[in-house]
Amino acid sequence: MTFIGWIVLGLISGFIASKLVNKTGEGAALDIILGIVGAVVGGFVFNLLGAYGVTGFNIWSMFVAVIGAMLVLGVKHAVMGRGSHA
């Protein structure tokens, strides 16, 4: 997947995950970072479970990235508290 593909996948999946977890977006830059990190984390977790991780710019990869981003947000909230947006 290209660099631009990762940015677009990151923006969309980070935004969806932050809306599901926080009910608000984190902002474009943080949503992109969250989505990209989520794609890596989700890919790792799905591979551990015997499923495919991120396979390109498709619905499955978006699903994996959103799940990974939600895990990242869950850990962030557990460590920093729910009220912190840092």
PDB file of N, CA and C in Angstrom:
ATOM      1  N   MET A   1       0.854  -1.172   0.000  1.00  0.00           N
ATOM      2  CA  MET A   1       0.000   0.000   0.000  1.00  0.00           C
ATOM      3  C   MET A   1       0.904   1.241   0.000  1.00  0.00           C
ATOM      4  N   THR A   2       0.475   2.261  -0.705  1.00  0.00           N
ATOM      5  CA  THR A   2       1.284   3.474  -0.822  1.00  0.00           C
ATOM      6  C   THR A   2       1.188   4.320   0.443  1.00  0.00           C
ATOM      7  N   PHE A   3       2.094   5.284   0.522  1.00  0.00           N
ATOM      8  CA  PHE A   3       2.107   6.226   1.643  1.00  0.00           C
ATOM      9  C   PHE A   3       0.769   6.961   1.733  1.00  0.00           C
ATOM     10  N   ILE A   4       0.250   7.418   0.607  1.00  0.00           N
ATOM     11  CA  ILE A   4      -1.040   8.119   0.586  1.00  0.00           C
ATOM     12  C   ILE A   4      -2.163   7.173   1.025  1.00  0.00           C
ATOM     13  N   GLY A   5      -2.081   5.917   0.625  1.00  0.00           N
ATOM     14  CA  GLY A   5      -3.074   4.929   1.046  1.00  0.00           C
ATOM     15  C   GLY A   5      -3.108   4.761   2.551  1.00  0.00           C
ATOM     16  N   TRP A   6      -1.919   4.702   3.179  1.00  0.00           N
ATOM     17  CA  TRP A   6      -1.844   4.600   4.637  1.00  0.00           C
ATOM     18  C   TRP A   6      -2.439   5.835   5.307  1.00  0.00           C
ATOM     19  N   ILE A   7      -2.184   7.018   4.739  1.00  0.00           N
ATOM     20  CA  ILE A   7      -2.730   8.269   5.308  1.00  0.00           C
ATOM     21  C   ILE A   7      -4.258   8.241   5.241  1.00  0.00           C
ATOM     22  N   VAL A   8      -4.810   7.880   4.082  1.00  0.00           N
ATOM     23  CA  VAL A   8      -6.262   7.864   3.921  1.00  0.00           C
ATOM     24  C   VAL A   8      -6.884   6.789   4.815  1.00  0.00           C
ATOM     25  N   LEU A   9      -6.314   5.590   4.815  1.00  0.00           N
ATOM     26  CA  LEU A   9      -6.804   4.528   5.687  1.00  0.00           C
ATOM     27  C   LEU A   9      -6.727   4.968   7.145  1.00  0.00           C
ATOM     28  N   GLY A  10      -5.630   5.606   7.520  1.00  0.00           N
ATOM     29  CA  GLY A  10      -5.459   6.079   8.892  1.00  0.00           C
ATOM     30  C   GLY A  10      -6.477   7.129   9.270  1.00  0.00           C
ATOM     31  N   LEU A  11      -6.731   8.078   8.382  1.00  0.00           N
ATOM     32  CA  LEU A  11      -7.695   9.141   8.675  1.00  0.00           C
ATOM     33  C   LEU A  11      -9.095   8.565   8.866  1.00  0.00           C
ATOM     34  N   ILE A  12      -9.511   7.729   7.953  1.00  0.00           N
ATOM     35  CA  ILE A  12     -10.869   7.186   8.032  1.00  0.00           C
ATOM     36  C   ILE A  12     -11.030   6.270   9.246  1.00  0.00           C
ATOM     37  N   SER A  13     -10.114   5.341   9.419  1.00  0.00           N
ATOM     38  CA  SER A  13     -10.253   4.387  10.529  1.00  0.00           C
ATOM     39  C   SER A  13     -10.036   5.060  11.880  1.00  0.00           C
ATOM     40  N   GLY A  14      -9.106   6.011  11.962  1.00  0.00           N
ATOM     41  CA  GLY A  14      -8.904   6.741  13.212  1.00  0.00           C
ATOM     42  C   GLY A  14     -10.121   7.562  13.592  1.00  0.00           C
ATOM     43  N   PHE A  15     -10.746   8.194  12.596  1.00  0.00           N
ATOM     44  CA  PHE A  15     -11.951   8.980  12.851  1.00  0.00           C
ATOM     45  C   PHE A  15     -13.091   8.090  13.332  1.00  0.00           C
ATOM     46  N   ILE A  16     -13.293   6.963  12.663  1.00  0.00           N
ATOM     47  CA  ILE A  16     -14.372   6.043  13.050  1.00  0.00           C
ATOM     48  C   ILE A  16     -14.136   5.529  14.474  1.00  0.00           C
ATOM     49  N   ALA A  17     -12.906   5.100  14.764  1.00  0.00           N
ATOM     50  CA  ALA A  17     -12.603   4.569  16.095  1.00  0.00           C
ATOM     51  C   ALA A  17     -12.781   5.632  17.174  1.00  0.00           C
ATOM     52  N   SER A  18     -12.316   6.856  16.915  1.00  0.00           N
ATOM     53  CA  SER A  18     -12.452   7.892  17.937  1.00  0.00           C
ATOM     54  C   SER A  18     -13.912   8.285  18.130  1.00  0.00           C
ATOM     55  N   LYS A  19     -14.722   8.234  17.072  1.00  0.00           N
ATOM     56  CA  LYS A  19     -16.158   8.494  17.215  1.00  0.00           C
ATOM     57  C   LYS A  19     -16.827   7.389  18.040  1.00  0.00           C
ATOM     58  N   LEU A  20     -16.435   6.137  17.821  1.00  0.00           N
ATOM     59  CA  LEU A  20     -17.022   5.031  18.569  1.00  0.00           C
ATOM     60  C   LEU A  20     -16.608   5.040  20.035  1.00  0.00           C
ATOM     61  N   VAL A  21     -15.357   5.386  20.313  1.00  0.00           N
ATOM     62  CA  VAL A  21     -14.849   5.338  21.685  1.00  0.00           C
ATOM     63  C   VAL A  21     -15.111   6.644  22.431  1.00  0.00           C
ATOM     64  N   ASN A  22     -14.794   7.775  21.808  1.00  0.00           N
ATOM     65  CA  ASN A  22     -14.881   9.075  22.492  1.00  0.00           C
ATOM     66  C   ASN A  22     -16.139   9.858  22.182  1.00  0.00           C
ATOM     67  N   LYS A  23     -16.875   9.476  21.178  1.00  0.00           N
ATOM     68  CA  LYS A  23     -18.035  10.202  20.655  1.00  0.00           C
ATOM     69  C   LYS A  23     -17.644  11.491  19.937  1.00  0.00           C
ATOM     70  N   THR A  24     -16.358  11.802  19.856  1.00  0.00           N
ATOM     71  CA  THR A  24     -15.857  12.954  19.096  1.00  0.00           C
ATOM     72  C   THR A  24     -14.594  12.527  18.373  1.00  0.00           C
ATOM     73  N   GLY A  25     -14.230  13.246  17.338  1.00  0.00           N
ATOM     74  CA  GLY A  25     -12.960  12.983  16.666  1.00  0.00           C
ATOM     75  C   GLY A  25     -11.804  13.543  17.478  1.00  0.00           C
ATOM     76  N   GLU A  26     -10.619  13.102  17.182  1.00  0.00           N
ATOM     77  CA  GLU A  26      -9.428  13.589  17.864  1.00  0.00           C
ATOM     78  C   GLU A  26      -8.786  14.748  17.120  1.00  0.00           C
ATOM     79  N   GLY A  27      -9.270  15.078  15.934  1.00  0.00           N
ATOM     80  CA  GLY A  27      -8.622  16.051  15.061  1.00  0.00           C
ATOM     81  C   GLY A  27      -7.948  15.296  13.926  1.00  0.00           C
ATOM     82  N   ALA A  28      -7.815  15.926  12.783  1.00  0.00           N
ATOM     83  CA  ALA A  28      -7.331  15.231  11.581  1.00  0.00           C
ATOM     84  C   ALA A  28      -5.967  14.582  11.796  1.00  0.00           C
ATOM     85  N   ALA A  29      -5.002  15.323  12.323  1.00  0.00           N
ATOM     86  CA  ALA A  29      -3.645  14.780  12.485  1.00  0.00           C
ATOM     87  C   ALA A  29      -3.631  13.605  13.454  1.00  0.00           C
ATOM     88  N   LEU A  30      -4.298  13.750  14.597  1.00  0.00           N
ATOM     89  CA  LEU A  30      -4.313  12.659  15.572  1.00  0.00           C
ATOM     90  C   LEU A  30      -5.130  11.470  15.071  1.00  0.00           C
ATOM     91  N   ASP A  31      -6.193  11.724  14.302  1.00  0.00           N
ATOM     92  CA  ASP A  31      -6.954  10.615  13.729  1.00  0.00           C
ATOM     93  C   ASP A  31      -6.108   9.825  12.738  1.00  0.00           C
ATOM     94  N   ILE A  32      -5.291  10.510  11.938  1.00  0.00           N
ATOM     95  CA  ILE A  32      -4.405   9.824  10.992  1.00  0.00           C
ATOM     96  C   ILE A  32      -3.404   8.957  11.747  1.00  0.00           C
ATOM     97  N   ILE A  33      -2.769   9.536  12.756  1.00  0.00           N
ATOM     98  CA  ILE A  33      -1.777   8.790  13.548  1.00  0.00           C
ATOM     99  C   ILE A  33      -2.448   7.617  14.251  1.00  0.00           C
ATOM    100  N   LEU A  34      -3.609   7.881  14.858  1.00  0.00           N
ATOM    101  CA  LEU A  34      -4.349   6.830  15.545  1.00  0.00           C
ATOM    102  C   LEU A  34      -4.712   5.703  14.591  1.00  0.00           C
ATOM    103  N   GLY A  35      -5.165   6.054  13.394  1.00  0.00           N
ATOM    104  CA  GLY A  35      -5.543   5.030  12.413  1.00  0.00           C
ATOM    105  C   GLY A  35      -4.369   4.211  11.932  1.00  0.00           C
ATOM    106  N   ILE A  36      -3.234   4.857  11.696  1.00  0.00           N
ATOM    107  CA  ILE A  36      -2.045   4.124  11.232  1.00  0.00           C
ATOM    108  C   ILE A  36      -1.530   3.213  12.338  1.00  0.00           C
ATOM    109  N   VAL A  37      -1.434   3.732  13.556  1.00  0.00           N
ATOM    110  CA  VAL A  37      -1.006   2.901  14.684  1.00  0.00           C
ATOM    111  C   VAL A  37      -2.024   1.774  14.904  1.00  0.00           C
ATOM    112  N   GLY A  38      -3.309   2.117  14.766  1.00  0.00           N
ATOM    113  CA  GLY A  38      -4.353   1.110  14.905  1.00  0.00           C
ATOM    114  C   GLY A  38      -4.245   0.015  13.859  1.00  0.00           C
ATOM    115  N   ALA A  39      -3.881   0.384  12.636  1.00  0.00           N
ATOM    116  CA  ALA A  39      -3.706  -0.612  11.575  1.00  0.00           C
ATOM    117  C   ALA A  39      -2.566  -1.564  11.916  1.00  0.00           C
ATOM    118  N   VAL A  40      -1.491  -1.031  12.453  1.00  0.00           N
ATOM    119  CA  VAL A  40      -0.348  -1.877  12.832  1.00  0.00           C
ATOM    120  C   VAL A  40      -0.729  -2.778  14.001  1.00  0.00           C
ATOM    121  N   VAL A  41      -1.347  -2.193  15.031  1.00  0.00           N
ATOM    122  CA  VAL A  41      -1.754  -2.973  16.207  1.00  0.00           C
ATOM    123  C   VAL A  41      -2.805  -4.010  15.806  1.00  0.00           C
ATOM    124  N   GLY A  42      -3.817  -3.585  15.048  1.00  0.00           N
ATOM    125  CA  GLY A  42      -4.855  -4.508  14.609  1.00  0.00           C
ATOM    126  C   GLY A  42      -4.291  -5.627  13.764  1.00  0.00           C
ATOM    127  N   GLY A  43      -3.382  -5.299  12.850  1.00  0.00           N
ATOM    128  CA  GLY A  43      -2.746  -6.324  12.025  1.00  0.00           C
ATOM    129  C   GLY A  43      -1.991  -7.340  12.857  1.00  0.00           C
ATOM    130  N   PHE A  44      -1.280  -6.860  13.873  1.00  0.00           N
ATOM    131  CA  PHE A  44      -0.535  -7.748  14.768  1.00  0.00           C
ATOM    132  C   PHE A  44      -1.488  -8.667  15.533  1.00  0.00           C
ATOM    133  N   VAL A  45      -2.555  -8.084  16.110  1.00  0.00           N
ATOM    134  CA  VAL A  45      -3.512  -8.870  16.887  1.00  0.00           C
ATOM    135  C   VAL A  45      -4.229  -9.890  16.002  1.00  0.00           C
ATOM    136  N   PHE A  46      -4.672  -9.456  14.823  1.00  0.00           N
ATOM    137  CA  PHE A  46      -5.379 -10.380  13.936  1.00  0.00           C
ATOM    138  C   PHE A  46      -4.450 -11.502  13.467  1.00  0.00           C
ATOM    139  N   ASN A  47      -3.184 -11.192  13.212  1.00  0.00           N
ATOM    140  CA  ASN A  47      -2.231 -12.241  12.839  1.00  0.00           C
ATOM    141  C   ASN A  47      -2.026 -13.230  13.971  1.00  0.00           C
ATOM    142  N   LEU A  48      -1.985 -12.721  15.213  1.00  0.00           N
ATOM    143  CA  LEU A  48      -1.859 -13.621  16.366  1.00  0.00           C
ATOM    144  C   LEU A  48      -3.053 -14.563  16.470  1.00  0.00           C
ATOM    145  N   LEU A  49      -4.221 -14.072  16.072  1.00  0.00           N
ATOM    146  CA  LEU A  49      -5.438 -14.882  16.142  1.00  0.00           C
ATOM    147  C   LEU A  49      -5.617 -15.780  14.919  1.00  0.00           C
ATOM    148  N   GLY A  50      -4.675 -15.721  13.979  1.00  0.00           N
ATOM    149  CA  GLY A  50      -4.720 -16.578  12.811  1.00  0.00           C
ATOM    150  C   GLY A  50      -5.485 -16.000  11.632  1.00  0.00           C
ATOM    151  N   ALA A  51      -5.844 -14.726  11.699  1.00  0.00           N
ATOM    152  CA  ALA A  51      -6.565 -14.078  10.601  1.00  0.00           C
ATOM    153  C   ALA A  51      -5.604 -13.158   9.853  1.00  0.00           C
ATOM    154  N   TYR A  52      -6.041 -12.676   8.713  1.00  0.00           N
ATOM    155  CA  TYR A  52      -5.235 -11.726   7.954  1.00  0.00           C
ATOM    156  C   TYR A  52      -5.281 -10.364   8.620  1.00  0.00           C
ATOM    157  N   GLY A  53      -4.176  -9.639   8.537  1.00  0.00           N
ATOM    158  CA  GLY A  53      -4.121  -8.270   9.032  1.00  0.00           C
ATOM    159  C   GLY A  53      -4.524  -7.317   7.923  1.00  0.00           C
ATOM    160  N   VAL A  54      -3.832  -6.214   7.814  1.00  0.00           N
ATOM    161  CA  VAL A  54      -4.103  -5.231   6.767  1.00  0.00           C
ATOM    162  C   VAL A  54      -3.604  -5.803   5.443  1.00  0.00           C
ATOM    163  N   THR A  55      -4.514  -5.883   4.468  1.00  0.00           N
ATOM    164  CA  THR A  55      -4.185  -6.512   3.185  1.00  0.00           C
ATOM    165  C   THR A  55      -4.187  -5.524   2.024  1.00  0.00           C
ATOM    166  N   GLY A  56      -4.395  -4.274   2.288  1.00  0.00           N
ATOM    167  CA  GLY A  56      -4.464  -3.253   1.238  1.00  0.00           C
ATOM    168  C   GLY A  56      -5.530  -2.250   1.590  1.00  0.00           C
ATOM    169  N   PHE A  57      -5.958  -1.489   0.616  1.00  0.00           N
ATOM    170  CA  PHE A  57      -6.991  -0.484   0.856  1.00  0.00           C
ATOM    171  C   PHE A  57      -8.345  -1.110   0.530  1.00  0.00           C
ATOM    172  N   ASN A  58      -8.941  -1.771   1.543  1.00  0.00           N
ATOM    173  CA  ASN A  58     -10.215  -2.461   1.360  1.00  0.00           C
ATOM    174  C   ASN A  58     -10.995  -2.466   2.675  1.00  0.00           C
ATOM    175  N   ILE A  59     -12.200  -3.006   2.631  1.00  0.00           N
ATOM    176  CA  ILE A  59     -13.068  -3.005   3.816  1.00  0.00           C
ATOM    177  C   ILE A  59     -12.460  -3.813   4.958  1.00  0.00           C
ATOM    178  N   TRP A  60     -11.872  -4.969   4.656  1.00  0.00           N
ATOM    179  CA  TRP A  60     -11.269  -5.793   5.713  1.00  0.00           C
ATOM    180  C   TRP A  60     -10.172  -5.022   6.436  1.00  0.00           C
ATOM    181  N   SER A  61      -9.305  -4.366   5.688  1.00  0.00           N
ATOM    182  CA  SER A  61      -8.214  -3.603   6.295  1.00  0.00           C
ATOM    183  C   SER A  61      -8.757  -2.458   7.137  1.00  0.00           C
ATOM    184  N   MET A  62      -9.835  -1.827   6.678  1.00  0.00           N
ATOM    185  CA  MET A  62     -10.463  -0.755   7.448  1.00  0.00           C
ATOM    186  C   MET A  62     -10.989  -1.309   8.773  1.00  0.00           C
ATOM    187  N   PHE A  63     -11.631  -2.474   8.719  1.00  0.00           N
ATOM    188  CA  PHE A  63     -12.138  -3.133   9.926  1.00  0.00           C
ATOM    189  C   PHE A  63     -11.000  -3.430  10.897  1.00  0.00           C
ATOM    190  N   VAL A  64      -9.916  -4.012  10.393  1.00  0.00           N
ATOM    191  CA  VAL A  64      -8.754  -4.332  11.229  1.00  0.00           C
ATOM    192  C   VAL A  64      -8.182  -3.058  11.854  1.00  0.00           C
ATOM    193  N   ALA A  65      -8.061  -1.993  11.060  1.00  0.00           N
ATOM    194  CA  ALA A  65      -7.505  -0.739  11.559  1.00  0.00           C
ATOM    195  C   ALA A  65      -8.410  -0.097  12.605  1.00  0.00           C
ATOM    196  N   VAL A  66      -9.717  -0.144  12.399  1.00  0.00           N
ATOM    197  CA  VAL A  66     -10.646   0.433  13.383  1.00  0.00           C
ATOM    198  C   VAL A  66     -10.569  -0.343  14.700  1.00  0.00           C
ATOM    199  N   ILE A  67     -10.557  -1.665  14.634  1.00  0.00           N
ATOM    200  CA  ILE A  67     -10.442  -2.474  15.855  1.00  0.00           C
ATOM    201  C   ILE A  67      -9.124  -2.165  16.564  1.00  0.00           C
ATOM    202  N   GLY A  68      -8.031  -2.087  15.814  1.00  0.00           N
ATOM    203  CA  GLY A  68      -6.735  -1.763  16.403  1.00  0.00           C
ATOM    204  C   GLY A  68      -6.725  -0.375  17.022  1.00  0.00           C
ATOM    205  N   ALA A  69      -7.316   0.597  16.336  1.00  0.00           N
ATOM    206  CA  ALA A  69      -7.369   1.964  16.873  1.00  0.00           C
ATOM    207  C   ALA A  69      -8.222   2.022  18.132  1.00  0.00           C
ATOM    208  N   MET A  70      -9.308   1.246  18.171  1.00  0.00           N
ATOM    209  CA  MET A  70     -10.121   1.197  19.382  1.00  0.00           C
ATOM    210  C   MET A  70      -9.343   0.591  20.544  1.00  0.00           C
ATOM    211  N   LEU A  71      -8.523  -0.418  20.266  1.00  0.00           N
ATOM    212  CA  LEU A  71      -7.661  -0.989  21.308  1.00  0.00           C
ATOM    213  C   LEU A  71      -6.658   0.043  21.815  1.00  0.00           C
ATOM    214  N   VAL A  72      -6.058   0.794  20.876  1.00  0.00           N
ATOM    215  CA  VAL A  72      -5.096   1.839  21.249  1.00  0.00           C
ATOM    216  C   VAL A  72      -5.776   2.899  22.108  1.00  0.00           C
ATOM    217  N   LEU A  73      -6.963   3.336  21.724  1.00  0.00           N
ATOM    218  CA  LEU A  73      -7.698   4.328  22.515  1.00  0.00           C
ATOM    219  C   LEU A  73      -8.074   3.776  23.887  1.00  0.00           C
ATOM    220  N   GLY A  74      -8.454   2.510  23.946  1.00  0.00           N
ATOM    221  CA  GLY A  74      -8.780   1.889  25.230  1.00  0.00           C
ATOM    222  C   GLY A  74      -7.595   1.877  26.167  1.00  0.00           C
ATOM    223  N   VAL A  75      -6.428   1.529  25.641  1.00  0.00           N
ATOM    224  CA  VAL A  75      -5.209   1.542  26.457  1.00  0.00           C
ATOM    225  C   VAL A  75      -4.870   2.969  26.879  1.00  0.00           C
ATOM    226  N   LYS A  76      -5.000   3.918  25.948  1.00  0.00           N
ATOM    227  CA  LYS A  76      -4.724   5.331  26.263  1.00  0.00           C
ATOM    228  C   LYS A  76      -5.611   5.808  27.400  1.00  0.00           C
ATOM    229  N   HIS A  77      -6.907   5.495  27.338  1.00  0.00           N
ATOM    230  CA  HIS A  77      -7.824   5.920  28.385  1.00  0.00           C
ATOM    231  C   HIS A  77      -7.542   5.221  29.708  1.00  0.00           C
ATOM    232  N   ALA A  78      -7.121   3.959  29.650  1.00  0.00           N
ATOM    233  CA  ALA A  78      -6.794   3.235  30.879  1.00  0.00           C
ATOM    234  C   ALA A  78      -5.556   3.817  31.546  1.00  0.00           C
ATOM    235  N   VAL A  79      -4.594   4.256  30.749  1.00  0.00           N
ATOM    236  CA  VAL A  79      -3.341   4.780  31.301  1.00  0.00           C
ATOM    237  C   VAL A  79      -3.474   6.247  31.705  1.00  0.00           C
ATOM    238  N   MET A  80      -4.076   7.062  30.846  1.00  0.00           N
ATOM    239  CA  MET A  80      -4.102   8.503  31.071  1.00  0.00           C
ATOM    240  C   MET A  80      -5.402   9.011  31.676  1.00  0.00           C
ATOM    241  N   GLY A  81      -6.427   8.212  31.703  1.00  0.00           N
ATOM    242  CA  GLY A  81      -7.724   8.658  32.206  1.00  0.00           C
ATOM    243  C   GLY A  81      -8.586   9.130  31.056  1.00  0.00           C
ATOM    244  N   ARG A  82      -9.862   9.081  31.248  1.00  0.00           N
ATOM    245  CA  ARG A  82     -10.815   9.396  30.193  1.00  0.00           C
ATOM    246  C   ARG A  82     -10.845  10.875  29.848  1.00  0.00           C
ATOM    247  N   GLY A  83     -10.619  11.748  30.789  1.00  0.00           N
ATOM    248  CA  GLY A  83     -10.710  13.186  30.531  1.00  0.00           C
ATOM    249  C   GLY A  83      -9.518  13.771  29.819  1.00  0.00           C
ATOM    250  N   SER A  84      -8.435  13.044  29.695  1.00  0.00           N
ATOM    251  CA  SER A  84      -7.213  13.564  29.072  1.00  0.00           C
ATOM    252  C   SER A  84      -7.273  13.419  27.570  1.00  0.00           C
ATOM    253  N   HIS A  85      -6.971  14.495  26.862  1.00  0.00           N
ATOM    254  CA  HIS A  85      -6.921  14.479  25.389  1.00  0.00           C
ATOM    255  C   HIS A  85      -5.510  14.738  24.906  1.00  0.00           C
ATOM    256  N   ALA A  86      -4.515  14.347  25.658  1.00  0.00           N
ATOM    257  CA  ALA A  86      -3.130  14.583  25.267  1.00  0.00           C
ATOM    258  C   ALA A  86      -2.592  13.470  24.421  1.00  0.00           C
TER     259      ALA A  86
END
